[in-house]
Amino acid sequence: MSGVVPPVSLNIANHRQFVEKLRYLERNPVKRGLCARPDDWQWSCFRQYAAGCEGRVEIECEWTARARERAAGRLSPAAQARTGLGWGTPKKGTML
């Protein structure tokens, strides 16, 4: 088939590349003239990344994980440690 470009797969090796690819995805509808701003595109996860707002597209991120855990009445051990809930303080003389 002429004119058809096969999809490209690549591994994202670091945070800089992740942000670069995410910016491309979010800005592409604007660049193509489909909307004025990234948050205007209804199939974008931009709103969720920028403000934690629910949209048509849900991505797995800390906000969605926290919301799911709160709805289930629990927080993850990592979230408990950050918020001071759960594990408590280590006893004197214990190794961490």
N, C-alpha and C. Protein backbone atom coordinates (compact mmCIF):
# COMPACT_ATOMS: atom_id res chain seq x y z
N MET A 1 0.85 -1.18 0.00
CA MET A 1 0.00 0.00 0.00
C MET A 1 0.89 1.24 0.00
N SER A 2 0.75 2.04 -0.99
CA SER A 2 1.58 3.25 -1.05
C SER A 2 0.96 4.36 -0.21
N GLY A 3 1.83 5.17 0.38
CA GLY A 3 1.36 6.29 1.18
C GLY A 3 1.04 5.96 2.62
N VAL A 4 1.09 4.68 2.98
CA VAL A 4 0.79 4.28 4.35
C VAL A 4 2.11 4.09 5.10
N VAL A 5 2.23 4.79 6.21
CA VAL A 5 3.44 4.70 7.02
C VAL A 5 3.17 3.73 8.16
N PRO A 6 3.99 2.70 8.30
CA PRO A 6 3.75 1.77 9.40
C PRO A 6 4.00 2.44 10.75
N PRO A 7 3.31 2.00 11.80
CA PRO A 7 3.52 2.60 13.11
C PRO A 7 4.95 2.35 13.60
N VAL A 8 5.43 3.27 14.39
CA VAL A 8 6.78 3.18 14.92
C VAL A 8 6.68 2.88 16.41
N SER A 9 7.47 1.92 16.84
CA SER A 9 7.51 1.58 18.26
C SER A 9 8.88 1.97 18.80
N LEU A 10 8.90 2.58 19.98
CA LEU A 10 10.18 2.92 20.57
C LEU A 10 10.09 2.81 22.08
N ASN A 11 11.22 2.56 22.68
CA ASN A 11 11.29 2.51 24.13
C ASN A 11 11.66 3.89 24.65
N ILE A 12 10.98 4.31 25.69
CA ILE A 12 11.29 5.58 26.33
C ILE A 12 12.22 5.27 27.48
N ALA A 13 13.42 5.82 27.40
CA ALA A 13 14.48 5.44 28.34
C ALA A 13 14.61 6.34 29.55
N ASN A 14 14.06 7.56 29.49
CA ASN A 14 14.23 8.45 30.63
C ASN A 14 13.08 9.46 30.68
N HIS A 15 13.06 10.25 31.73
CA HIS A 15 11.97 11.21 31.94
C HIS A 15 11.94 12.28 30.85
N ARG A 16 13.10 12.72 30.39
CA ARG A 16 13.15 13.74 29.34
C ARG A 16 12.44 13.25 28.08
N GLN A 17 12.69 12.00 27.68
CA GLN A 17 12.03 11.44 26.50
C GLN A 17 10.53 11.29 26.75
N PHE A 18 10.15 10.90 27.96
CA PHE A 18 8.74 10.76 28.29
C PHE A 18 8.02 12.10 28.10
N VAL A 19 8.59 13.17 28.65
CA VAL A 19 7.99 14.50 28.54
C VAL A 19 7.95 14.95 27.08
N GLU A 20 9.01 14.68 26.34
CA GLU A 20 9.06 15.04 24.92
C GLU A 20 7.92 14.38 24.14
N LYS A 21 7.73 13.09 24.35
CA LYS A 21 6.69 12.37 23.61
C LYS A 21 5.30 12.78 24.07
N LEU A 22 5.14 13.02 25.37
CA LEU A 22 3.86 13.46 25.90
C LEU A 22 3.49 14.83 25.33
N ARG A 23 4.45 15.74 25.27
CA ARG A 23 4.19 17.07 24.69
C ARG A 23 3.79 16.96 23.24
N TYR A 24 4.45 16.07 22.50
CA TYR A 24 4.08 15.87 21.09
C TYR A 24 2.63 15.41 20.99
N LEU A 25 2.27 14.41 21.80
CA LEU A 25 0.90 13.88 21.75
C LEU A 25 -0.14 14.94 22.10
N GLU A 26 0.15 15.73 23.12
CA GLU A 26 -0.81 16.73 23.58
C GLU A 26 -0.90 17.93 22.63
N ARG A 27 0.20 18.28 22.00
CA ARG A 27 0.21 19.46 21.12
C ARG A 27 -0.19 19.16 19.69
N ASN A 28 -0.18 17.89 19.30
CA ASN A 28 -0.46 17.54 17.91
C ASN A 28 -1.85 18.00 17.44
N PRO A 29 -2.94 17.81 18.21
CA PRO A 29 -4.24 18.30 17.73
C PRO A 29 -4.26 19.82 17.52
N VAL A 30 -3.52 20.56 18.34
CA VAL A 30 -3.43 22.01 18.19
C VAL A 30 -2.66 22.34 16.91
N LYS A 31 -1.53 21.67 16.73
CA LYS A 31 -0.69 21.90 15.55
C LYS A 31 -1.46 21.60 14.26
N ARG A 32 -2.32 20.59 14.30
CA ARG A 32 -3.09 20.19 13.11
C ARG A 32 -4.35 21.04 12.92
N GLY A 33 -4.60 21.97 13.86
CA GLY A 33 -5.76 22.85 13.73
C GLY A 33 -7.07 22.24 14.15
N LEU A 34 -7.03 21.14 14.91
CA LEU A 34 -8.25 20.48 15.35
C LEU A 34 -8.86 21.13 16.59
N CYS A 35 -8.04 21.90 17.33
CA CYS A 35 -8.52 22.62 18.51
C CYS A 35 -7.56 23.78 18.77
N ALA A 36 -7.98 24.70 19.64
CA ALA A 36 -7.16 25.87 19.92
C ALA A 36 -6.12 25.60 21.01
N ARG A 37 -6.47 24.77 21.98
CA ARG A 37 -5.57 24.47 23.10
C ARG A 37 -5.61 22.97 23.39
N PRO A 38 -4.56 22.41 23.98
CA PRO A 38 -4.53 20.97 24.27
C PRO A 38 -5.70 20.51 25.14
N ASP A 39 -6.15 21.34 26.09
CA ASP A 39 -7.26 20.91 26.94
C ASP A 39 -8.61 20.99 26.25
N ASP A 40 -8.67 21.55 25.03
CA ASP A 40 -9.92 21.56 24.26
C ASP A 40 -10.17 20.22 23.56
N TRP A 41 -9.14 19.43 23.37
CA TRP A 41 -9.25 18.16 22.65
C TRP A 41 -9.82 17.10 23.60
N GLN A 42 -11.03 16.63 23.33
CA GLN A 42 -11.71 15.75 24.27
C GLN A 42 -11.08 14.37 24.43
N TRP A 43 -10.28 13.94 23.48
CA TRP A 43 -9.63 12.62 23.58
C TRP A 43 -8.22 12.72 24.15
N SER A 44 -7.92 13.84 24.77
CA SER A 44 -6.61 14.08 25.34
C SER A 44 -6.59 13.76 26.83
N CYS A 45 -5.44 13.37 27.33
CA CYS A 45 -5.27 13.18 28.77
C CYS A 45 -4.63 14.41 29.40
N PHE A 46 -4.54 15.50 28.64
CA PHE A 46 -3.91 16.73 29.10
C PHE A 46 -4.53 17.24 30.40
N ARG A 47 -5.87 17.28 30.46
CA ARG A 47 -6.54 17.80 31.66
C ARG A 47 -6.19 16.99 32.89
N GLN A 48 -6.08 15.68 32.72
CA GLN A 48 -5.75 14.82 33.85
C GLN A 48 -4.32 15.08 34.32
N TYR A 49 -3.38 15.20 33.39
CA TYR A 49 -1.99 15.48 33.77
C TYR A 49 -1.87 16.87 34.39
N ALA A 50 -2.55 17.86 33.81
CA ALA A 50 -2.39 19.24 34.25
C ALA A 50 -3.10 19.55 35.55
N ALA A 51 -4.29 18.98 35.75
CA ALA A 51 -5.09 19.39 36.91
C ALA A 51 -5.75 18.24 37.66
N GLY A 52 -5.57 17.02 37.19
CA GLY A 52 -6.20 15.89 37.86
C GLY A 52 -7.68 15.77 37.56
N CYS A 53 -8.16 16.47 36.54
CA CYS A 53 -9.58 16.42 36.17
C CYS A 53 -9.88 15.18 35.35
N GLU A 54 -11.03 14.61 35.58
CA GLU A 54 -11.44 13.46 34.78
C GLU A 54 -11.82 13.93 33.38
N GLY A 55 -11.51 13.11 32.42
CA GLY A 55 -11.87 13.41 31.04
C GLY A 55 -12.29 12.14 30.34
N ARG A 56 -12.38 12.20 29.04
CA ARG A 56 -12.77 11.04 28.24
C ARG A 56 -11.69 9.96 28.30
N VAL A 57 -10.43 10.37 28.39
CA VAL A 57 -9.32 9.44 28.43
C VAL A 57 -8.76 9.41 29.85
N GLU A 58 -8.68 8.21 30.42
CA GLU A 58 -8.08 8.08 31.75
C GLU A 58 -6.75 7.37 31.62
N ILE A 59 -5.76 7.93 32.26
CA ILE A 59 -4.44 7.33 32.28
C ILE A 59 -4.14 6.88 33.69
N GLU A 60 -3.24 5.97 33.84
CA GLU A 60 -2.83 5.55 35.18
C GLU A 60 -1.77 6.52 35.66
N CYS A 61 -2.05 7.20 36.73
CA CYS A 61 -1.11 8.13 37.34
C CYS A 61 -1.38 8.14 38.83
N GLU A 62 -0.62 8.91 39.56
CA GLU A 62 -0.80 8.93 41.02
C GLU A 62 -2.21 9.37 41.40
N TRP A 63 -2.78 10.35 40.68
CA TRP A 63 -4.12 10.82 41.01
C TRP A 63 -5.17 9.73 40.84
N THR A 64 -5.11 8.99 39.73
CA THR A 64 -6.12 7.94 39.53
C THR A 64 -5.93 6.81 40.53
N ALA A 65 -4.68 6.47 40.84
CA ALA A 65 -4.43 5.42 41.82
C ALA A 65 -4.96 5.84 43.19
N ARG A 66 -4.70 7.08 43.59
CA ARG A 66 -5.19 7.58 44.88
C ARG A 66 -6.71 7.57 44.93
N ALA A 67 -7.36 8.05 43.86
CA ALA A 67 -8.82 8.09 43.82
C ALA A 67 -9.40 6.69 43.95
N ARG A 68 -8.79 5.73 43.26
CA ARG A 68 -9.27 4.34 43.33
C ARG A 68 -9.08 3.77 44.74
N GLU A 69 -7.94 4.08 45.35
CA GLU A 69 -7.67 3.59 46.71
C GLU A 69 -8.59 4.24 47.73
N ARG A 70 -8.84 5.55 47.57
CA ARG A 70 -9.77 6.22 48.48
C ARG A 70 -11.17 5.62 48.34
N ALA A 71 -11.60 5.36 47.10
CA ALA A 71 -12.92 4.77 46.87
C ALA A 71 -13.04 3.40 47.52
N ALA A 72 -11.93 2.66 47.57
CA ALA A 72 -11.93 1.33 48.17
C ALA A 72 -11.69 1.39 49.69
N GLY A 73 -11.43 2.62 50.20
CA GLY A 73 -11.21 2.78 51.63
C GLY A 73 -9.81 2.43 52.09
N ARG A 74 -8.86 2.53 51.18
CA ARG A 74 -7.47 2.22 51.56
C ARG A 74 -6.51 3.06 50.73
N LEU A 75 -5.32 3.22 51.23
CA LEU A 75 -4.25 3.87 50.48
C LEU A 75 -3.11 2.87 50.34
N SER A 76 -2.30 3.03 49.33
CA SER A 76 -1.16 2.14 49.14
C SER A 76 -0.13 2.38 50.24
N PRO A 77 0.74 1.40 50.53
CA PRO A 77 1.80 1.61 51.54
C PRO A 77 2.66 2.83 51.25
N ALA A 78 2.98 3.09 49.99
CA ALA A 78 3.79 4.25 49.64
C ALA A 78 3.05 5.54 49.98
N ALA A 79 1.76 5.59 49.67
CA ALA A 79 0.97 6.78 49.97
C ALA A 79 0.82 6.95 51.48
N GLN A 80 0.68 5.84 52.20
CA GLN A 80 0.59 5.90 53.65
C GLN A 80 1.87 6.46 54.24
N ALA A 81 3.01 6.06 53.71
CA ALA A 81 4.30 6.54 54.21
C ALA A 81 4.44 8.04 53.97
N ARG A 82 4.02 8.50 52.78
CA ARG A 82 4.12 9.93 52.47
C ARG A 82 3.18 10.76 53.31
N THR A 83 2.01 10.22 53.63
CA THR A 83 1.02 10.99 54.38
C THR A 83 1.15 10.77 55.87
N GLY A 84 2.03 9.86 56.29
CA GLY A 84 2.21 9.60 57.71
C GLY A 84 1.19 8.64 58.27
N LEU A 85 0.42 7.98 57.40
CA LEU A 85 -0.59 7.03 57.85
C LEU A 85 -0.04 5.61 57.75
N GLY A 86 -0.40 4.77 58.66
CA GLY A 86 -0.08 3.36 58.48
C GLY A 86 1.12 2.85 59.23
N TRP A 87 2.31 3.01 58.72
CA TRP A 87 3.47 2.30 59.24
C TRP A 87 3.95 2.80 60.59
N GLY A 88 3.70 4.05 60.90
CA GLY A 88 4.16 4.60 62.16
C GLY A 88 5.65 4.89 62.15
N THR A 89 6.18 5.19 63.31
CA THR A 89 7.60 5.51 63.41
C THR A 89 8.38 4.29 63.83
N PRO A 90 9.58 4.12 63.29
CA PRO A 90 10.38 2.97 63.68
C PRO A 90 10.78 3.09 65.15
N LYS A 91 10.92 1.93 65.80
CA LYS A 91 11.37 1.91 67.20
C LYS A 91 12.83 2.28 67.25
N LYS A 92 13.21 2.88 68.36
CA LYS A 92 14.60 3.29 68.54
C LYS A 92 15.50 2.07 68.44
N GLY A 93 16.59 2.20 67.68
CA GLY A 93 17.54 1.11 67.52
C GLY A 93 17.23 0.17 66.38
N THR A 94 16.08 0.34 65.69
CA THR A 94 15.78 -0.55 64.56
C THR A 94 16.41 0.00 63.29
N MET A 95 16.83 -0.91 62.45
CA MET A 95 17.44 -0.50 61.18
C MET A 95 16.35 -0.34 60.14
N LEU A 96 16.52 0.64 59.31
CA LEU A 96 15.57 0.86 58.21
C LEU A 96 16.10 0.26 56.95
